Amino acid sequence: MSRIGKEPIPLPSGVSANLADDGLTVTGPRGELARRLHQAMHIAVQDNSIIVQRPSDSKQHRSLHGLTRTLIANMVRGVSEGYVKVLELYGVGFRIQPQAQRLTMQLGFSHPVIIDLPEGISAQIETFVPTGENDYLSCRLTLAGIDKELLGQTAATIRATKKPEPYKGKGFRYQGEHVRRKAGKAAQAATVG
């Protein structure tokens, strides 16, 4: 048995799950998520928990067993607690201006970069003033939502607009991400000579 797949998914108080023909709908205090699941997996809601079982021990069914359980667990956690991703923007003069469901970003290009946030994703921006200890940190963007997959894709799309460069580290990075830095030409020449 799959160690992940065989674990039952407990439903917290206030969260309910409904099975349809080929999908599952999970409703909680933060909203509702629906997902179509693979027909081969047997899903049952019993004793305030969700149980996923596989029909056989074939390689495909073993692969789908843990995946299906994890997708359902992510849905349950999303509607009960929600998910948060934090991006940090490094660069002098870089800034983000929030509007309703849109982010207008000044990232050192000749034009502003505009990204429309998908429905269900909210953004909060914290701006920093240069203090001398880390002048490059311009702002922190906190994305929140109930759909883990959509939240991760939105964060990756925003990060792709200005990836961190290796010399000064300017650009978007996930909170806690380490950017491997390179020495510039002047620093390399000084060590050689």
N, C-alpha and C. Protein backbone atom coordinates (compact mmCIF):
# COMPACT_ATOMS: atom_id res chain seq x y z
N MET A 1 0.84 -1.19 0.00
CA MET A 1 0.00 0.00 0.00
C MET A 1 0.88 1.24 0.00
N SER A 2 0.35 2.27 -0.61
CA SER A 2 1.02 3.56 -0.59
C SER A 2 0.93 4.15 0.82
N ARG A 3 2.06 4.55 1.38
CA ARG A 3 2.03 5.09 2.73
C ARG A 3 1.25 6.40 2.79
N ILE A 4 1.30 7.18 1.71
CA ILE A 4 0.54 8.42 1.67
C ILE A 4 -0.92 8.12 1.35
N GLY A 5 -1.16 7.28 0.37
CA GLY A 5 -2.51 7.03 -0.11
C GLY A 5 -3.43 6.37 0.90
N LYS A 6 -2.89 5.53 1.78
CA LYS A 6 -3.75 4.80 2.70
C LYS A 6 -4.21 5.62 3.89
N GLU A 7 -3.58 6.79 4.13
CA GLU A 7 -3.96 7.63 5.26
C GLU A 7 -5.33 8.27 5.01
N PRO A 8 -6.26 8.18 5.94
CA PRO A 8 -7.54 8.88 5.76
C PRO A 8 -7.35 10.38 5.91
N ILE A 9 -8.19 11.15 5.24
CA ILE A 9 -8.11 12.61 5.29
C ILE A 9 -9.19 13.09 6.25
N PRO A 10 -8.81 13.60 7.42
CA PRO A 10 -9.84 14.06 8.36
C PRO A 10 -10.48 15.36 7.88
N LEU A 11 -11.78 15.48 8.07
CA LEU A 11 -12.50 16.70 7.71
C LEU A 11 -12.64 17.57 8.96
N PRO A 12 -12.03 18.75 8.98
CA PRO A 12 -12.16 19.63 10.15
C PRO A 12 -13.61 20.09 10.31
N SER A 13 -13.93 20.65 11.47
CA SER A 13 -15.29 21.12 11.70
C SER A 13 -15.59 22.26 10.74
N GLY A 14 -16.77 22.22 10.16
CA GLY A 14 -17.17 23.24 9.19
C GLY A 14 -16.84 22.90 7.76
N VAL A 15 -16.19 21.77 7.51
CA VAL A 15 -15.82 21.36 6.15
C VAL A 15 -16.66 20.13 5.78
N SER A 16 -17.25 20.16 4.60
CA SER A 16 -18.04 19.03 4.12
C SER A 16 -17.57 18.64 2.73
N ALA A 17 -17.73 17.36 2.39
CA ALA A 17 -17.31 16.86 1.08
C ALA A 17 -18.49 16.14 0.44
N ASN A 18 -18.70 16.40 -0.86
CA ASN A 18 -19.77 15.76 -1.61
C ASN A 18 -19.18 15.08 -2.84
N LEU A 19 -19.52 13.81 -3.02
CA LEU A 19 -19.06 13.05 -4.18
C LEU A 19 -20.08 13.15 -5.30
N ALA A 20 -19.61 13.42 -6.51
CA ALA A 20 -20.47 13.40 -7.69
C ALA A 20 -20.03 12.21 -8.55
N ASP A 21 -20.45 12.18 -9.82
CA ASP A 21 -20.13 11.05 -10.69
C ASP A 21 -18.63 10.85 -10.83
N ASP A 22 -17.91 11.89 -11.21
CA ASP A 22 -16.47 11.75 -11.43
C ASP A 22 -15.69 12.85 -10.72
N GLY A 23 -16.27 13.46 -9.71
CA GLY A 23 -15.58 14.55 -9.05
C GLY A 23 -15.93 14.65 -7.58
N LEU A 24 -15.25 15.56 -6.93
CA LEU A 24 -15.43 15.80 -5.50
C LEU A 24 -15.53 17.29 -5.28
N THR A 25 -16.48 17.70 -4.46
CA THR A 25 -16.64 19.10 -4.09
C THR A 25 -16.44 19.22 -2.59
N VAL A 26 -15.53 20.09 -2.20
CA VAL A 26 -15.24 20.31 -0.78
C VAL A 26 -15.63 21.75 -0.45
N THR A 27 -16.45 21.90 0.59
CA THR A 27 -16.93 23.22 1.00
C THR A 27 -16.48 23.48 2.43
N GLY A 28 -16.01 24.70 2.68
CA GLY A 28 -15.55 25.06 4.01
C GLY A 28 -15.76 26.53 4.29
N PRO A 29 -15.25 27.03 5.40
CA PRO A 29 -15.46 28.43 5.76
C PRO A 29 -14.82 29.42 4.79
N ARG A 30 -13.78 29.03 4.08
CA ARG A 30 -13.11 29.95 3.15
C ARG A 30 -13.63 29.87 1.72
N GLY A 31 -14.45 28.88 1.41
CA GLY A 31 -14.99 28.78 0.06
C GLY A 31 -15.25 27.34 -0.34
N GLU A 32 -15.32 27.15 -1.67
CA GLU A 32 -15.65 25.83 -2.21
C GLU A 32 -14.69 25.49 -3.33
N LEU A 33 -14.21 24.26 -3.35
CA LEU A 33 -13.34 23.76 -4.41
C LEU A 33 -13.92 22.48 -4.99
N ALA A 34 -13.87 22.37 -6.31
CA ALA A 34 -14.35 21.16 -6.99
C ALA A 34 -13.24 20.65 -7.90
N ARG A 35 -13.14 19.34 -8.01
CA ARG A 35 -12.10 18.75 -8.84
C ARG A 35 -12.57 17.42 -9.40
N ARG A 36 -12.26 17.20 -10.69
CA ARG A 36 -12.51 15.90 -11.30
C ARG A 36 -11.34 15.00 -10.95
N LEU A 37 -11.64 13.79 -10.53
CA LEU A 37 -10.61 12.84 -10.14
C LEU A 37 -10.63 11.65 -11.07
N HIS A 38 -9.55 10.90 -11.08
CA HIS A 38 -9.42 9.74 -11.95
C HIS A 38 -10.49 8.71 -11.60
N GLN A 39 -11.13 8.13 -12.63
CA GLN A 39 -12.24 7.20 -12.41
C GLN A 39 -11.80 5.92 -11.70
N ALA A 40 -10.55 5.54 -11.83
CA ALA A 40 -10.09 4.28 -11.25
C ALA A 40 -10.02 4.32 -9.73
N MET A 41 -9.83 5.50 -9.16
CA MET A 41 -9.70 5.60 -7.71
C MET A 41 -11.07 5.55 -7.04
N HIS A 42 -11.18 4.77 -5.97
CA HIS A 42 -12.42 4.67 -5.21
C HIS A 42 -12.34 5.62 -4.02
N ILE A 43 -13.26 6.57 -3.97
CA ILE A 43 -13.26 7.58 -2.91
C ILE A 43 -14.53 7.41 -2.09
N ALA A 44 -14.38 7.42 -0.78
CA ALA A 44 -15.53 7.26 0.11
C ALA A 44 -15.44 8.30 1.23
N VAL A 45 -16.59 8.88 1.60
CA VAL A 45 -16.68 9.80 2.72
C VAL A 45 -17.38 9.06 3.85
N GLN A 46 -16.64 8.80 4.94
CA GLN A 46 -17.23 8.08 6.07
C GLN A 46 -16.56 8.50 7.37
N ASP A 47 -17.34 8.55 8.43
CA ASP A 47 -16.86 8.90 9.77
C ASP A 47 -16.08 10.22 9.78
N ASN A 48 -16.61 11.21 9.11
CA ASN A 48 -16.01 12.55 9.08
C ASN A 48 -14.59 12.54 8.51
N SER A 49 -14.34 11.66 7.55
CA SER A 49 -13.05 11.62 6.86
C SER A 49 -13.25 11.08 5.45
N ILE A 50 -12.25 11.31 4.62
CA ILE A 50 -12.28 10.84 3.23
C ILE A 50 -11.23 9.75 3.08
N ILE A 51 -11.62 8.64 2.45
CA ILE A 51 -10.71 7.51 2.26
C ILE A 51 -10.57 7.26 0.76
N VAL A 52 -9.32 7.11 0.32
CA VAL A 52 -9.02 6.83 -1.09
C VAL A 52 -8.47 5.41 -1.18
N GLN A 53 -9.05 4.59 -2.07
CA GLN A 53 -8.58 3.22 -2.27
C GLN A 53 -8.32 3.00 -3.75
N ARG A 54 -7.37 2.10 -4.04
CA ARG A 54 -7.06 1.79 -5.42
C ARG A 54 -7.57 0.39 -5.74
N PRO A 55 -7.92 0.15 -7.01
CA PRO A 55 -8.48 -1.16 -7.37
C PRO A 55 -7.45 -2.28 -7.49
N SER A 56 -6.21 -1.95 -7.83
CA SER A 56 -5.21 -3.01 -8.02
C SER A 56 -3.84 -2.47 -7.65
N ASP A 57 -2.83 -3.31 -7.75
CA ASP A 57 -1.46 -2.90 -7.45
C ASP A 57 -0.65 -2.62 -8.71
N SER A 58 -1.32 -2.28 -9.79
CA SER A 58 -0.58 -1.94 -11.01
C SER A 58 0.18 -0.64 -10.80
N LYS A 59 1.19 -0.43 -11.61
CA LYS A 59 2.05 0.75 -11.45
C LYS A 59 1.24 2.04 -11.56
N GLN A 60 0.32 2.12 -12.51
CA GLN A 60 -0.48 3.33 -12.68
C GLN A 60 -1.37 3.58 -11.47
N HIS A 61 -2.01 2.53 -10.95
CA HIS A 61 -2.89 2.70 -9.80
C HIS A 61 -2.12 3.07 -8.54
N ARG A 62 -0.92 2.53 -8.39
CA ARG A 62 -0.09 2.92 -7.24
C ARG A 62 0.30 4.38 -7.33
N SER A 63 0.63 4.84 -8.55
CA SER A 63 0.99 6.25 -8.75
C SER A 63 -0.18 7.17 -8.46
N LEU A 64 -1.36 6.79 -8.93
CA LEU A 64 -2.54 7.62 -8.76
C LEU A 64 -3.05 7.64 -7.32
N HIS A 65 -2.75 6.59 -6.56
CA HIS A 65 -3.28 6.48 -5.20
C HIS A 65 -2.79 7.63 -4.32
N GLY A 66 -1.49 7.80 -4.23
CA GLY A 66 -0.93 8.88 -3.40
C GLY A 66 -1.25 10.26 -3.96
N LEU A 67 -1.24 10.39 -5.28
CA LEU A 67 -1.55 11.67 -5.91
C LEU A 67 -2.98 12.11 -5.59
N THR A 68 -3.93 11.20 -5.74
CA THR A 68 -5.33 11.53 -5.50
C THR A 68 -5.54 11.93 -4.05
N ARG A 69 -4.94 11.19 -3.14
CA ARG A 69 -5.09 11.52 -1.72
C ARG A 69 -4.51 12.90 -1.42
N THR A 70 -3.34 13.21 -1.98
CA THR A 70 -2.71 14.51 -1.74
C THR A 70 -3.53 15.65 -2.32
N LEU A 71 -4.09 15.47 -3.52
CA LEU A 71 -4.93 16.51 -4.12
C LEU A 71 -6.16 16.80 -3.26
N ILE A 72 -6.77 15.74 -2.74
CA ILE A 72 -7.95 15.93 -1.89
C ILE A 72 -7.55 16.59 -0.57
N ALA A 73 -6.43 16.18 0.02
CA ALA A 73 -5.96 16.79 1.27
C ALA A 73 -5.67 18.28 1.07
N ASN A 74 -5.11 18.65 -0.10
CA ASN A 74 -4.85 20.07 -0.40
C ASN A 74 -6.16 20.84 -0.50
N MET A 75 -7.19 20.23 -1.07
CA MET A 75 -8.49 20.90 -1.17
C MET A 75 -9.08 21.13 0.22
N VAL A 76 -9.00 20.12 1.08
CA VAL A 76 -9.55 20.24 2.44
C VAL A 76 -8.81 21.33 3.21
N ARG A 77 -7.48 21.33 3.13
CA ARG A 77 -6.72 22.36 3.84
C ARG A 77 -6.99 23.75 3.27
N GLY A 78 -7.17 23.84 1.96
CA GLY A 78 -7.42 25.13 1.32
C GLY A 78 -8.72 25.77 1.78
N VAL A 79 -9.80 24.99 1.85
CA VAL A 79 -11.09 25.57 2.25
C VAL A 79 -11.18 25.80 3.75
N SER A 80 -10.29 25.16 4.54
CA SER A 80 -10.34 25.37 5.98
C SER A 80 -9.33 26.41 6.45
N GLU A 81 -8.08 26.35 5.96
CA GLU A 81 -7.04 27.28 6.41
C GLU A 81 -6.60 28.26 5.32
N GLY A 82 -6.54 27.81 4.08
CA GLY A 82 -6.03 28.64 2.99
C GLY A 82 -4.53 28.48 2.83
N TYR A 83 -4.00 29.04 1.75
CA TYR A 83 -2.57 28.97 1.46
C TYR A 83 -2.02 30.37 1.24
N VAL A 84 -0.73 30.53 1.52
CA VAL A 84 -0.06 31.83 1.36
C VAL A 84 1.29 31.59 0.69
N LYS A 85 1.63 32.43 -0.28
CA LYS A 85 2.96 32.44 -0.91
C LYS A 85 3.48 33.87 -0.79
N VAL A 86 4.75 34.00 -0.42
CA VAL A 86 5.35 35.33 -0.26
C VAL A 86 6.49 35.48 -1.26
N LEU A 87 6.43 36.55 -2.06
CA LEU A 87 7.49 36.90 -3.00
C LEU A 87 8.15 38.19 -2.53
N GLU A 88 9.46 38.25 -2.64
CA GLU A 88 10.18 39.48 -2.29
C GLU A 88 10.78 40.06 -3.56
N LEU A 89 10.63 41.37 -3.74
CA LEU A 89 11.14 42.07 -4.92
C LEU A 89 12.37 42.87 -4.52
N TYR A 90 13.51 42.52 -5.11
CA TYR A 90 14.77 43.21 -4.84
C TYR A 90 15.12 44.07 -6.04
N GLY A 91 15.50 45.32 -5.81
CA GLY A 91 15.92 46.21 -6.87
C GLY A 91 15.60 47.65 -6.54
N VAL A 92 16.56 48.53 -6.74
CA VAL A 92 16.35 49.94 -6.44
C VAL A 92 15.36 50.52 -7.45
N GLY A 93 14.31 51.14 -6.96
CA GLY A 93 13.31 51.75 -7.83
C GLY A 93 12.23 50.80 -8.31
N PHE A 94 12.34 49.53 -7.99
CA PHE A 94 11.30 48.58 -8.37
C PHE A 94 10.11 48.77 -7.43
N ARG A 95 8.90 48.72 -7.98
CA ARG A 95 7.72 48.86 -7.12
C ARG A 95 6.52 48.18 -7.74
N ILE A 96 5.52 47.93 -6.90
CA ILE A 96 4.28 47.29 -7.32
C ILE A 96 3.12 48.17 -6.86
N GLN A 97 2.18 48.41 -7.77
CA GLN A 97 0.99 49.18 -7.43
C GLN A 97 -0.23 48.26 -7.59
N PRO A 98 -0.93 47.99 -6.49
CA PRO A 98 -2.10 47.11 -6.61
C PRO A 98 -3.33 47.88 -7.05
N GLN A 99 -4.14 47.25 -7.87
CA GLN A 99 -5.47 47.74 -8.19
C GLN A 99 -6.39 46.56 -7.91
N ALA A 100 -7.65 46.61 -8.20
CA ALA A 100 -8.62 45.60 -7.79
C ALA A 100 -8.07 44.18 -7.91
N GLN A 101 -7.99 43.62 -9.09
CA GLN A 101 -7.45 42.27 -9.30
C GLN A 101 -6.29 42.35 -10.29
N ARG A 102 -5.51 43.42 -10.18
CA ARG A 102 -4.42 43.65 -11.13
C ARG A 102 -3.21 44.22 -10.40
N LEU A 103 -2.02 43.80 -10.83
CA LEU A 103 -0.77 44.33 -10.30
C LEU A 103 -0.05 45.07 -11.42
N THR A 104 0.29 46.34 -11.18
CA THR A 104 1.09 47.12 -12.13
C THR A 104 2.48 47.26 -11.52
N MET A 105 3.49 46.72 -12.22
CA MET A 105 4.84 46.65 -11.64
C MET A 105 5.84 47.43 -12.47
N GLN A 106 6.68 48.19 -11.78
CA GLN A 106 7.82 48.87 -12.40
C GLN A 106 9.05 48.03 -12.07
N LEU A 107 9.61 47.36 -13.09
CA LEU A 107 10.69 46.40 -12.86
C LEU A 107 11.97 46.74 -13.62
N GLY A 108 12.14 48.02 -13.96
CA GLY A 108 13.34 48.44 -14.65
C GLY A 108 13.24 48.34 -16.16
N PHE A 109 12.09 47.97 -16.69
CA PHE A 109 11.88 47.93 -18.13
C PHE A 109 11.40 49.31 -18.59
N SER A 110 11.30 49.51 -19.89
CA SER A 110 10.82 50.79 -20.42
C SER A 110 9.31 50.92 -20.31
N HIS A 111 8.64 49.88 -19.86
CA HIS A 111 7.18 49.88 -19.77
C HIS A 111 6.77 49.19 -18.46
N PRO A 112 5.61 49.51 -17.94
CA PRO A 112 5.13 48.79 -16.76
C PRO A 112 4.67 47.38 -17.13
N VAL A 113 4.88 46.46 -16.22
CA VAL A 113 4.43 45.08 -16.41
C VAL A 113 3.11 44.93 -15.66
N ILE A 114 2.07 44.48 -16.37
CA ILE A 114 0.74 44.36 -15.78
C ILE A 114 0.36 42.88 -15.73
N ILE A 115 -0.06 42.43 -14.55
CA ILE A 115 -0.50 41.04 -14.37
C ILE A 115 -1.88 41.06 -13.74
N ASP A 116 -2.82 40.36 -14.38
CA ASP A 116 -4.16 40.22 -13.82
C ASP A 116 -4.18 38.99 -12.92
N LEU A 117 -4.63 39.19 -11.68
CA LEU A 117 -4.71 38.07 -10.74
C LEU A 117 -5.95 37.24 -11.03
N PRO A 118 -5.85 35.92 -11.00
CA PRO A 118 -7.04 35.09 -11.21
C PRO A 118 -8.02 35.26 -10.06
N GLU A 119 -9.27 34.94 -10.31
CA GLU A 119 -10.28 35.03 -9.28
C GLU A 119 -9.97 34.04 -8.16
N GLY A 120 -10.07 34.49 -6.94
CA GLY A 120 -9.76 33.63 -5.80
C GLY A 120 -8.38 33.87 -5.24
N ILE A 121 -7.56 34.69 -5.89
CA ILE A 121 -6.22 35.02 -5.40
C ILE A 121 -6.21 36.48 -4.99
N SER A 122 -5.76 36.75 -3.77
CA SER A 122 -5.67 38.13 -3.30
C SER A 122 -4.20 38.48 -3.06
N ALA A 123 -3.88 39.76 -3.19
CA ALA A 123 -2.50 40.21 -3.03
C ALA A 123 -2.44 41.32 -2.00
N GLN A 124 -1.39 41.28 -1.19
CA GLN A 124 -1.12 42.33 -0.22
C GLN A 124 0.33 42.74 -0.39
N ILE A 125 0.59 44.05 -0.41
CA ILE A 125 1.93 44.54 -0.69
C ILE A 125 2.44 45.34 0.50
N GLU A 126 3.68 45.03 0.89
CA GLU A 126 4.35 45.73 1.98
C GLU A 126 5.59 46.39 1.36
N THR A 127 5.65 47.72 1.39
CA THR A 127 6.75 48.46 0.76
C THR A 127 7.81 48.79 1.81
N PHE A 128 9.08 48.71 1.40
CA PHE A 128 10.19 49.00 2.30
C PHE A 128 10.93 50.25 1.84
N VAL A 129 11.42 51.00 2.80
CA VAL A 129 12.24 52.18 2.52
C VAL A 129 13.68 51.77 2.74
N PRO A 130 14.62 52.15 1.85
CA PRO A 130 16.02 51.76 2.04
C PRO A 130 16.55 52.24 3.39
N THR A 131 17.16 51.32 4.15
CA THR A 131 17.68 51.66 5.48
C THR A 131 19.19 51.52 5.55
N GLY A 132 19.80 50.97 4.54
CA GLY A 132 21.25 50.82 4.55
C GLY A 132 21.67 49.37 4.72
N GLU A 133 20.91 48.57 5.52
CA GLU A 133 21.31 47.18 5.72
C GLU A 133 20.98 46.32 4.52
N ASN A 134 19.85 46.59 3.86
CA ASN A 134 19.51 45.87 2.63
C ASN A 134 18.73 46.83 1.73
N ASP A 135 19.47 47.65 0.99
CA ASP A 135 18.83 48.68 0.16
C ASP A 135 18.08 48.10 -1.03
N TYR A 136 18.38 46.85 -1.39
CA TYR A 136 17.78 46.29 -2.59
C TYR A 136 16.37 45.75 -2.37
N LEU A 137 15.96 45.45 -1.12
CA LEU A 137 14.62 44.93 -0.88
C LEU A 137 13.62 46.05 -1.03
N SER A 138 12.84 46.01 -2.13
CA SER A 138 11.87 47.08 -2.41
C SER A 138 10.53 46.81 -1.76
N CYS A 139 10.00 45.60 -1.96
CA CYS A 139 8.69 45.29 -1.38
C CYS A 139 8.50 43.79 -1.25
N ARG A 140 7.51 43.45 -0.45
CA ARG A 140 7.15 42.05 -0.22
C ARG A 140 5.70 41.88 -0.68
N LEU A 141 5.47 40.90 -1.56
CA LEU A 141 4.15 40.62 -2.11
C LEU A 141 3.64 39.32 -1.51
N THR A 142 2.52 39.40 -0.80
CA THR A 142 1.92 38.22 -0.18
C THR A 142 0.68 37.83 -0.96
N LEU A 143 0.70 36.64 -1.54
CA LEU A 143 -0.44 36.12 -2.29
C LEU A 143 -1.16 35.09 -1.42
N ALA A 144 -2.49 35.15 -1.42
CA ALA A 144 -3.27 34.21 -0.62
C ALA A 144 -4.43 33.67 -1.44
N GLY A 145 -4.81 32.42 -1.17
CA GLY A 145 -5.93 31.80 -1.88
C GLY A 145 -6.22 30.43 -1.30
N ILE A 146 -7.28 29.80 -1.78
CA ILE A 146 -7.65 28.49 -1.27
C ILE A 146 -7.20 27.36 -2.19
N ASP A 147 -6.90 27.66 -3.45
CA ASP A 147 -6.47 26.65 -4.41
C ASP A 147 -4.94 26.65 -4.48
N LYS A 148 -4.31 25.62 -3.94
CA LYS A 148 -2.84 25.56 -3.87
C LYS A 148 -2.20 25.58 -5.25
N GLU A 149 -2.79 24.87 -6.18
CA GLU A 149 -2.23 24.78 -7.54
C GLU A 149 -2.29 26.13 -8.24
N LEU A 150 -3.43 26.81 -8.17
CA LEU A 150 -3.60 28.12 -8.79
C LEU A 150 -2.69 29.16 -8.14
N LEU A 151 -2.55 29.09 -6.82
CA LEU A 151 -1.69 30.03 -6.11
C LEU A 151 -0.23 29.86 -6.52
N GLY A 152 0.22 28.62 -6.61
CA GLY A 152 1.60 28.35 -7.02
C GLY A 152 1.88 28.79 -8.44
N GLN A 153 0.92 28.58 -9.34
CA GLN A 153 1.08 28.99 -10.73
C GLN A 153 1.11 30.50 -10.85
N THR A 154 0.27 31.20 -10.08
CA THR A 154 0.26 32.66 -10.10
C THR A 154 1.58 33.22 -9.59
N ALA A 155 2.10 32.65 -8.50
CA ALA A 155 3.39 33.10 -7.96
C ALA A 155 4.51 32.86 -8.96
N ALA A 156 4.48 31.72 -9.65
CA ALA A 156 5.52 31.41 -10.65
C ALA A 156 5.44 32.36 -11.84
N THR A 157 4.21 32.74 -12.24
CA THR A 157 4.04 33.68 -13.35
C THR A 157 4.61 35.04 -12.98
N ILE A 158 4.34 35.49 -11.76
CA ILE A 158 4.85 36.80 -11.32
C ILE A 158 6.37 36.75 -11.23
N ARG A 159 6.92 35.67 -10.67
CA ARG A 159 8.38 35.55 -10.55
C ARG A 159 9.06 35.53 -11.91
N ALA A 160 8.40 34.94 -12.90
CA ALA A 160 8.99 34.84 -14.24
C ALA A 160 9.11 36.19 -14.93
N THR A 161 8.36 37.21 -14.48
CA THR A 161 8.47 38.53 -15.12
C THR A 161 9.83 39.16 -14.88
N LYS A 162 10.46 38.86 -13.74
CA LYS A 162 11.80 39.39 -13.45
C LYS A 162 12.48 38.43 -12.48
N LYS A 163 13.12 37.39 -13.04
CA LYS A 163 13.82 36.42 -12.21
C LYS A 163 15.04 37.07 -11.58
N PRO A 164 15.50 36.60 -10.42
CA PRO A 164 16.67 37.21 -9.80
C PRO A 164 17.93 36.98 -10.63
N GLU A 165 18.66 38.07 -10.87
CA GLU A 165 19.89 37.92 -11.66
C GLU A 165 21.05 37.61 -10.71
N PRO A 166 22.11 36.95 -11.19
CA PRO A 166 23.13 36.42 -10.29
C PRO A 166 24.16 37.43 -9.78
N TYR A 167 24.22 38.65 -10.30
CA TYR A 167 25.26 39.59 -9.90
C TYR A 167 24.86 40.45 -8.71
N LYS A 168 23.70 41.06 -8.77
CA LYS A 168 23.22 41.86 -7.63
C LYS A 168 21.99 41.25 -6.97
N GLY A 169 21.42 40.23 -7.59
CA GLY A 169 20.26 39.55 -7.00
C GLY A 169 18.96 40.28 -7.22
N LYS A 170 18.91 41.22 -8.17
CA LYS A 170 17.69 41.98 -8.40
C LYS A 170 16.63 41.11 -9.07
N GLY A 171 15.39 41.30 -8.66
CA GLY A 171 14.27 40.56 -9.23
C GLY A 171 13.42 39.93 -8.13
N PHE A 172 12.46 39.12 -8.55
CA PHE A 172 11.56 38.44 -7.61
C PHE A 172 12.21 37.17 -7.10
N ARG A 173 12.05 36.91 -5.80
CA ARG A 173 12.40 35.60 -5.26
C ARG A 173 11.36 35.21 -4.22
N TYR A 174 11.23 33.92 -4.05
CA TYR A 174 10.34 33.43 -2.99
C TYR A 174 10.99 33.75 -1.65
N GLN A 175 10.18 33.96 -0.63
CA GLN A 175 10.72 34.23 0.69
C GLN A 175 11.54 33.05 1.15
N GLY A 176 12.77 33.31 1.56
CA GLY A 176 13.66 32.25 2.01
C GLY A 176 14.49 31.62 0.89
N GLU A 177 14.24 32.01 -0.36
CA GLU A 177 15.00 31.44 -1.49
C GLU A 177 16.42 32.01 -1.50
N HIS A 178 17.39 31.16 -1.72
CA HIS A 178 18.78 31.59 -1.80
C HIS A 178 19.16 31.75 -3.27
N VAL A 179 19.69 32.91 -3.62
CA VAL A 179 20.14 33.16 -4.99
C VAL A 179 21.65 33.02 -5.03
N ARG A 180 22.12 32.12 -5.85
CA ARG A 180 23.56 31.90 -5.98
C ARG A 180 24.18 33.07 -6.73
N ARG A 181 25.10 33.76 -6.10
CA ARG A 181 25.66 34.98 -6.65
C ARG A 181 26.98 34.70 -7.38
N LYS A 182 27.25 35.52 -8.40
CA LYS A 182 28.50 35.43 -9.14
C LYS A 182 29.32 36.70 -8.90
N ALA A 183 30.61 36.60 -9.03
CA ALA A 183 31.46 37.77 -8.93
C ALA A 183 31.47 38.48 -10.27
N GLY A 184 31.47 39.80 -10.24
CA GLY A 184 31.52 40.57 -11.49
C GLY A 184 32.91 40.58 -12.09
N LYS A 185 33.06 41.21 -13.25
CA LYS A 185 34.34 41.24 -13.94
C LYS A 185 35.41 41.92 -13.09
N ALA A 186 35.06 43.04 -12.46
CA ALA A 186 36.03 43.79 -11.67
C ALA A 186 36.53 42.96 -10.49
N ALA A 187 35.64 42.24 -9.83
CA ALA A 187 36.03 41.41 -8.70
C ALA A 187 36.92 40.26 -9.14
N GLN A 188 36.62 39.68 -10.31
CA GLN A 188 37.44 38.58 -10.82
C GLN A 188 38.83 39.08 -11.21
N ALA A 189 38.90 40.25 -11.84
CA ALA A 189 40.19 40.81 -12.27
C ALA A 189 41.06 41.13 -11.04
N ALA A 190 40.46 41.60 -9.97
CA ALA A 190 41.22 41.97 -8.78
C ALA A 190 41.84 40.73 -8.13
N THR A 191 41.17 39.61 -8.17
CA THR A 191 41.71 38.40 -7.54
C THR A 191 42.80 37.75 -8.40
N VAL A 192 42.72 37.90 -9.73
CA VAL A 192 43.70 37.30 -10.63
C VAL A 192 45.02 38.05 -10.57
N GLY A 193 44.97 39.40 -10.61
CA GLY A 193 46.17 40.23 -10.70
C GLY A 193 46.82 40.36 -9.40
